Amino acid sequence: MLNKTDTKTFQLLSKVLLMSFVLSIAGFVTACDSQGPAEEAGEAVDESVEETRDTFDDATE
């Protein structure tokens, strides 16, 4: 059975682990905010496809 010291230590450890988890998730979320070169290239391809589709639609009307 756990005594009071063990329980308080466990509670403190639990709080520290929870805060570490929350801060790491916050770090991952903010790190995903900036775009990398692959994402920028993908967006450029998407824009090119949309422009080509619009040009084709305008030509066939």
PDB file of N, CA and C in Angstrom:
ATOM      1  N   MET A   1       0.834  -1.174   0.000  1.00  0.00           N
ATOM      2  CA  MET A   1       0.000   0.000   0.000  1.00  0.00           C
ATOM      3  C   MET A   1       0.888   1.251   0.000  1.00  0.00           C
ATOM      4  N   LEU A   2       0.421   2.286  -0.671  1.00  0.00           N
ATOM      5  CA  LEU A   2       1.195   3.511  -0.770  1.00  0.00           C
ATOM      6  C   LEU A   2       1.005   4.378   0.473  1.00  0.00           C
ATOM      7  N   ASN A   3       2.075   4.983   0.927  1.00  0.00           N
ATOM      8  CA  ASN A   3       1.944   5.931   2.034  1.00  0.00           C
ATOM      9  C   ASN A   3       1.775   7.340   1.470  1.00  0.00           C
ATOM     10  N   LYS A   4       1.627   8.337   2.340  1.00  0.00           N
ATOM     11  CA  LYS A   4       1.361   9.702   1.901  1.00  0.00           C
ATOM     12  C   LYS A   4       2.499  10.275   1.064  1.00  0.00           C
ATOM     13  N   THR A   5       3.731   9.941   1.401  1.00  0.00           N
ATOM     14  CA  THR A   5       4.877  10.447   0.653  1.00  0.00           C
ATOM     15  C   THR A   5       4.873   9.892  -0.764  1.00  0.00           C
ATOM     16  N   ASP A   6       4.585   8.606  -0.899  1.00  0.00           N
ATOM     17  CA  ASP A   6       4.524   8.004  -2.235  1.00  0.00           C
ATOM     18  C   ASP A   6       3.401   8.613  -3.064  1.00  0.00           C
ATOM     19  N   THR A   7       2.272   8.863  -2.440  1.00  0.00           N
ATOM     20  CA  THR A   7       1.134   9.440  -3.151  1.00  0.00           C
ATOM     21  C   THR A   7       1.463  10.853  -3.631  1.00  0.00           C
ATOM     22  N   LYS A   8       2.072  11.653  -2.795  1.00  0.00           N
ATOM     23  CA  LYS A   8       2.430  13.023  -3.183  1.00  0.00           C
ATOM     24  C   LYS A   8       3.480  13.010  -4.293  1.00  0.00           C
ATOM     25  N   THR A   9       4.429  12.096  -4.203  1.00  0.00           N
ATOM     26  CA  THR A   9       5.451  11.968  -5.250  1.00  0.00           C
ATOM     27  C   THR A   9       4.808  11.563  -6.567  1.00  0.00           C
ATOM     28  N   PHE A  10       3.878  10.634  -6.502  1.00  0.00           N
ATOM     29  CA  PHE A  10       3.178  10.184  -7.701  1.00  0.00           C
ATOM     30  C   PHE A  10       2.364  11.326  -8.304  1.00  0.00           C
ATOM     31  N   GLN A  11       1.687  12.108  -7.476  1.00  0.00           N
ATOM     32  CA  GLN A  11       0.904  13.240  -7.971  1.00  0.00           C
ATOM     33  C   GLN A  11       1.803  14.284  -8.629  1.00  0.00           C
ATOM     34  N   LEU A  12       2.938  14.559  -8.010  1.00  0.00           N
ATOM     35  CA  LEU A  12       3.869  15.522  -8.583  1.00  0.00           C
ATOM     36  C   LEU A  12       4.415  15.019  -9.916  1.00  0.00           C
ATOM     37  N   LEU A  13       4.788  13.764  -9.963  1.00  0.00           N
ATOM     38  CA  LEU A  13       5.297  13.177 -11.197  1.00  0.00           C
ATOM     39  C   LEU A  13       4.237  13.197 -12.295  1.00  0.00           C
ATOM     40  N   SER A  14       3.007  12.909 -11.912  1.00  0.00           N
ATOM     41  CA  SER A  14       1.910  12.941 -12.881  1.00  0.00           C
ATOM     42  C   SER A  14       1.725  14.336 -13.455  1.00  0.00           C
ATOM     43  N   LYS A  15       1.790  15.356 -12.604  1.00  0.00           N
ATOM     44  CA  LYS A  15       1.640  16.733 -13.072  1.00  0.00           C
ATOM     45  C   LYS A  15       2.784  17.135 -13.991  1.00  0.00           C
ATOM     46  N   VAL A  16       3.990  16.734 -13.634  1.00  0.00           N
ATOM     47  CA  VAL A  16       5.151  17.064 -14.460  1.00  0.00           C
ATOM     48  C   VAL A  16       5.036  16.384 -15.833  1.00  0.00           C
ATOM     49  N   LEU A  17       4.636  15.139 -15.853  1.00  0.00           N
ATOM     50  CA  LEU A  17       4.478  14.425 -17.124  1.00  0.00           C
ATOM     51  C   LEU A  17       3.366  15.036 -17.968  1.00  0.00           C
ATOM     52  N   LEU A  18       2.271  15.421 -17.330  1.00  0.00           N
ATOM     53  CA  LEU A  18       1.172  16.048 -18.059  1.00  0.00           C
ATOM     54  C   LEU A  18       1.608  17.377 -18.663  1.00  0.00           C
ATOM     55  N   MET A  19       2.308  18.189 -17.905  1.00  0.00           N
ATOM     56  CA  MET A  19       2.787  19.470 -18.428  1.00  0.00           C
ATOM     57  C   MET A  19       3.782  19.259 -19.569  1.00  0.00           C
ATOM     58  N   SER A  20       4.633  18.267 -19.445  1.00  0.00           N
ATOM     59  CA  SER A  20       5.586  17.965 -20.522  1.00  0.00           C
ATOM     60  C   SER A  20       4.856  17.565 -21.782  1.00  0.00           C
ATOM     61  N   PHE A  21       3.824  16.757 -21.626  1.00  0.00           N
ATOM     62  CA  PHE A  21       3.039  16.324 -22.775  1.00  0.00           C
ATOM     63  C   PHE A  21       2.339  17.504 -23.439  1.00  0.00           C
ATOM     64  N   VAL A  22       1.719  18.357 -22.642  1.00  0.00           N
ATOM     65  CA  VAL A  22       1.010  19.523 -23.180  1.00  0.00           C
ATOM     66  C   VAL A  22       1.974  20.457 -23.907  1.00  0.00           C
ATOM     67  N   LEU A  23       3.123  20.713 -23.320  1.00  0.00           N
ATOM     68  CA  LEU A  23       4.097  21.603 -23.961  1.00  0.00           C
ATOM     69  C   LEU A  23       4.664  21.004 -25.239  1.00  0.00           C
ATOM     70  N   SER A  24       4.864  19.702 -25.262  1.00  0.00           N
ATOM     71  CA  SER A  24       5.381  19.080 -26.493  1.00  0.00           C
ATOM     72  C   SER A  24       4.340  19.122 -27.608  1.00  0.00           C
ATOM     73  N   ILE A  25       3.069  18.912 -27.267  1.00  0.00           N
ATOM     74  CA  ILE A  25       2.008  19.016 -28.274  1.00  0.00           C
ATOM     75  C   ILE A  25       1.931  20.448 -28.804  1.00  0.00           C
ATOM     76  N   ALA A  26       2.039  21.413 -27.917  1.00  0.00           N
ATOM     77  CA  ALA A  26       2.027  22.818 -28.345  1.00  0.00           C
ATOM     78  C   ALA A  26       3.205  23.108 -29.272  1.00  0.00           C
ATOM     79  N   GLY A  27       4.350  22.528 -28.985  1.00  0.00           N
ATOM     80  CA  GLY A  27       5.517  22.700 -29.849  1.00  0.00           C
ATOM     81  C   GLY A  27       5.309  22.106 -31.228  1.00  0.00           C
ATOM     82  N   PHE A  28       4.695  20.931 -31.275  1.00  0.00           N
ATOM     83  CA  PHE A  28       4.426  20.302 -32.570  1.00  0.00           C
ATOM     84  C   PHE A  28       3.426  21.111 -33.381  1.00  0.00           C
ATOM     85  N   VAL A  29       2.426  21.643 -32.734  1.00  0.00           N
ATOM     86  CA  VAL A  29       1.403  22.415 -33.438  1.00  0.00           C
ATOM     87  C   VAL A  29       2.002  23.694 -34.019  1.00  0.00           C
ATOM     88  N   THR A  30       2.821  24.376 -33.259  1.00  0.00           N
ATOM     89  CA  THR A  30       3.413  25.605 -33.778  1.00  0.00           C
ATOM     90  C   THR A  30       4.492  25.319 -34.813  1.00  0.00           C
ATOM     91  N   ALA A  31       5.154  24.183 -34.717  1.00  0.00           N
ATOM     92  CA  ALA A  31       6.182  23.843 -35.698  1.00  0.00           C
ATOM     93  C   ALA A  31       5.559  23.523 -37.050  1.00  0.00           C
ATOM     94  N   CYS A  32       4.338  23.038 -37.059  1.00  0.00           N
ATOM     95  CA  CYS A  32       3.655  22.705 -38.305  1.00  0.00           C
ATOM     96  C   CYS A  32       3.109  23.932 -39.012  1.00  0.00           C
ATOM     97  N   ASP A  33       3.246  25.086 -38.400  1.00  0.00           N
ATOM     98  CA  ASP A  33       2.708  26.304 -38.961  1.00  0.00           C
ATOM     99  C   ASP A  33       3.455  26.737 -40.217  1.00  0.00           C
ATOM    100  N   SER A  34       4.750  26.552 -40.260  1.00  0.00           N
ATOM    101  CA  SER A  34       5.524  26.982 -41.416  1.00  0.00           C
ATOM    102  C   SER A  34       5.521  25.898 -42.489  1.00  0.00           C
ATOM    103  N   GLN A  35       5.548  26.343 -43.752  1.00  0.00           N
ATOM    104  CA  GLN A  35       5.520  25.410 -44.869  1.00  0.00           C
ATOM    105  C   GLN A  35       6.928  25.057 -45.302  1.00  0.00           C
ATOM    106  N   GLY A  36       7.095  23.805 -45.622  1.00  0.00           N
ATOM    107  CA  GLY A  36       8.363  23.351 -46.140  1.00  0.00           C
ATOM    108  C   GLY A  36       8.385  23.444 -47.656  1.00  0.00           C
ATOM    109  N   PRO A  37       9.518  23.140 -48.260  1.00  0.00           N
ATOM    110  CA  PRO A  37       9.621  23.237 -49.723  1.00  0.00           C
ATOM    111  C   PRO A  37       8.702  22.267 -50.454  1.00  0.00           C
ATOM    112  N   ALA A  38       8.472  21.088 -49.898  1.00  0.00           N
ATOM    113  CA  ALA A  38       7.597  20.114 -50.562  1.00  0.00           C
ATOM    114  C   ALA A  38       6.154  20.612 -50.574  1.00  0.00           C
ATOM    115  N   GLU A  39       5.728  21.201 -49.470  1.00  0.00           N
ATOM    116  CA  GLU A  39       4.360  21.713 -49.413  1.00  0.00           C
ATOM    117  C   GLU A  39       4.178  22.893 -50.367  1.00  0.00           C
ATOM    118  N   GLU A  40       5.184  23.758 -50.452  1.00  0.00           N
ATOM    119  CA  GLU A  40       5.114  24.880 -51.385  1.00  0.00           C
ATOM    120  C   GLU A  40       5.072  24.386 -52.826  1.00  0.00           C
ATOM    121  N   ALA A  41       5.848  23.371 -53.147  1.00  0.00           N
ATOM    122  CA  ALA A  41       5.835  22.806 -54.500  1.00  0.00           C
ATOM    123  C   ALA A  41       4.482  22.185 -54.806  1.00  0.00           C
ATOM    124  N   GLY A  42       3.901  21.502 -53.817  1.00  0.00           N
ATOM    125  CA  GLY A  42       2.577  20.906 -54.017  1.00  0.00           C
ATOM    126  C   GLY A  42       1.516  21.957 -54.275  1.00  0.00           C
ATOM    127  N   GLU A  43       1.591  23.064 -53.558  1.00  0.00           N
ATOM    128  CA  GLU A  43       0.637  24.137 -53.789  1.00  0.00           C
ATOM    129  C   GLU A  43       0.827  24.760 -55.168  1.00  0.00           C
ATOM    130  N   ALA A  44       2.067  24.869 -55.618  1.00  0.00           N
ATOM    131  CA  ALA A  44       2.330  25.412 -56.955  1.00  0.00           C
ATOM    132  C   ALA A  44       1.736  24.495 -58.028  1.00  0.00           C
ATOM    133  N   VAL A  45       1.860  23.192 -57.832  1.00  0.00           N
ATOM    134  CA  VAL A  45       1.276  22.230 -58.780  1.00  0.00           C
ATOM    135  C   VAL A  45      -0.240  22.363 -58.773  1.00  0.00           C
ATOM    136  N   ASP A  46      -0.839  22.464 -57.586  1.00  0.00           N
ATOM    137  CA  ASP A  46      -2.293  22.616 -57.491  1.00  0.00           C
ATOM    138  C   ASP A  46      -2.771  23.862 -58.220  1.00  0.00           C
ATOM    139  N   GLU A  47      -2.051  24.972 -58.047  1.00  0.00           N
ATOM    140  CA  GLU A  47      -2.430  26.212 -58.718  1.00  0.00           C
ATOM    141  C   GLU A  47      -2.304  26.074 -60.233  1.00  0.00           C
ATOM    142  N   SER A  48      -1.259  25.405 -60.686  1.00  0.00           N
ATOM    143  CA  SER A  48      -1.069  25.209 -62.130  1.00  0.00           C
ATOM    144  C   SER A  48      -2.196  24.369 -62.712  1.00  0.00           C
ATOM    145  N   VAL A  49      -2.595  23.334 -62.011  1.00  0.00           N
ATOM    146  CA  VAL A  49      -3.690  22.478 -62.488  1.00  0.00           C
ATOM    147  C   VAL A  49      -4.987  23.272 -62.546  1.00  0.00           C
ATOM    148  N   GLU A  50      -5.256  24.085 -61.533  1.00  0.00           N
ATOM    149  CA  GLU A  50      -6.467  24.897 -61.540  1.00  0.00           C
ATOM    150  C   GLU A  50      -6.464  25.908 -62.684  1.00  0.00           C
ATOM    151  N   GLU A  51      -5.316  26.543 -62.924  1.00  0.00           N
ATOM    152  CA  GLU A  51      -5.225  27.506 -64.028  1.00  0.00           C
ATOM    153  C   GLU A  51      -5.422  26.815 -65.368  1.00  0.00           C
ATOM    154  N   THR A  52      -4.843  25.632 -65.528  1.00  0.00           N
ATOM    155  CA  THR A  52      -5.002  24.877 -66.772  1.00  0.00           C
ATOM    156  C   THR A  52      -6.456  24.484 -66.969  1.00  0.00           C
ATOM    157  N   ARG A  53      -7.101  24.048 -65.890  1.00  0.00           N
ATOM    158  CA  ARG A  53      -8.517  23.662 -65.977  1.00  0.00           C
ATOM    159  C   ARG A  53      -9.373  24.864 -66.347  1.00  0.00           C
ATOM    160  N   ASP A  54      -9.101  26.014 -65.747  1.00  0.00           N
ATOM    161  CA  ASP A  54      -9.859  27.231 -66.054  1.00  0.00           C
ATOM    162  C   ASP A  54      -9.660  27.644 -67.506  1.00  0.00           C
ATOM    163  N   THR A  55      -8.430  27.565 -67.998  1.00  0.00           N
ATOM    164  CA  THR A  55      -8.126  27.912 -69.381  1.00  0.00           C
ATOM    165  C   THR A  55      -8.849  26.957 -70.332  1.00  0.00           C
ATOM    166  N   PHE A  56      -8.857  25.694 -70.022  1.00  0.00           N
ATOM    167  CA  PHE A  56      -9.541  24.694 -70.854  1.00  0.00           C
ATOM    168  C   PHE A  56     -11.032  24.923 -70.843  1.00  0.00           C
ATOM    169  N   ASP A  57     -11.586  25.212 -69.660  1.00  0.00           N
ATOM    170  CA  ASP A  57     -13.030  25.481 -69.579  1.00  0.00           C
ATOM    171  C   ASP A  57     -13.407  26.716 -70.385  1.00  0.00           C
ATOM    172  N   ASP A  58     -12.573  27.764 -70.316  1.00  0.00           N
ATOM    173  CA  ASP A  58     -12.852  28.984 -71.071  1.00  0.00           C
ATOM    174  C   ASP A  58     -12.759  28.727 -72.564  1.00  0.00           C
ATOM    175  N   ALA A  59     -11.837  27.887 -72.992  1.00  0.00           N
ATOM    176  CA  ALA A  59     -11.659  27.625 -74.415  1.00  0.00           C
ATOM    177  C   ALA A  59     -12.787  26.762 -74.967  1.00  0.00           C
ATOM    178  N   THR A  60     -13.389  25.923 -74.165  1.00  0.00           N
ATOM    179  CA  THR A  60     -14.437  25.027 -74.667  1.00  0.00           C
ATOM    180  C   THR A  60     -15.825  25.618 -74.539  1.00  0.00           C
ATOM    181  N   GLU A  61     -15.957  26.804 -73.991  1.00  0.00           N
ATOM    182  CA  GLU A  61     -17.292  27.421 -73.879  1.00  0.00           C
ATOM    183  C   GLU A  61     -17.749  28.038 -75.160  1.00  0.00           C
TER     184      GLU A  61
END
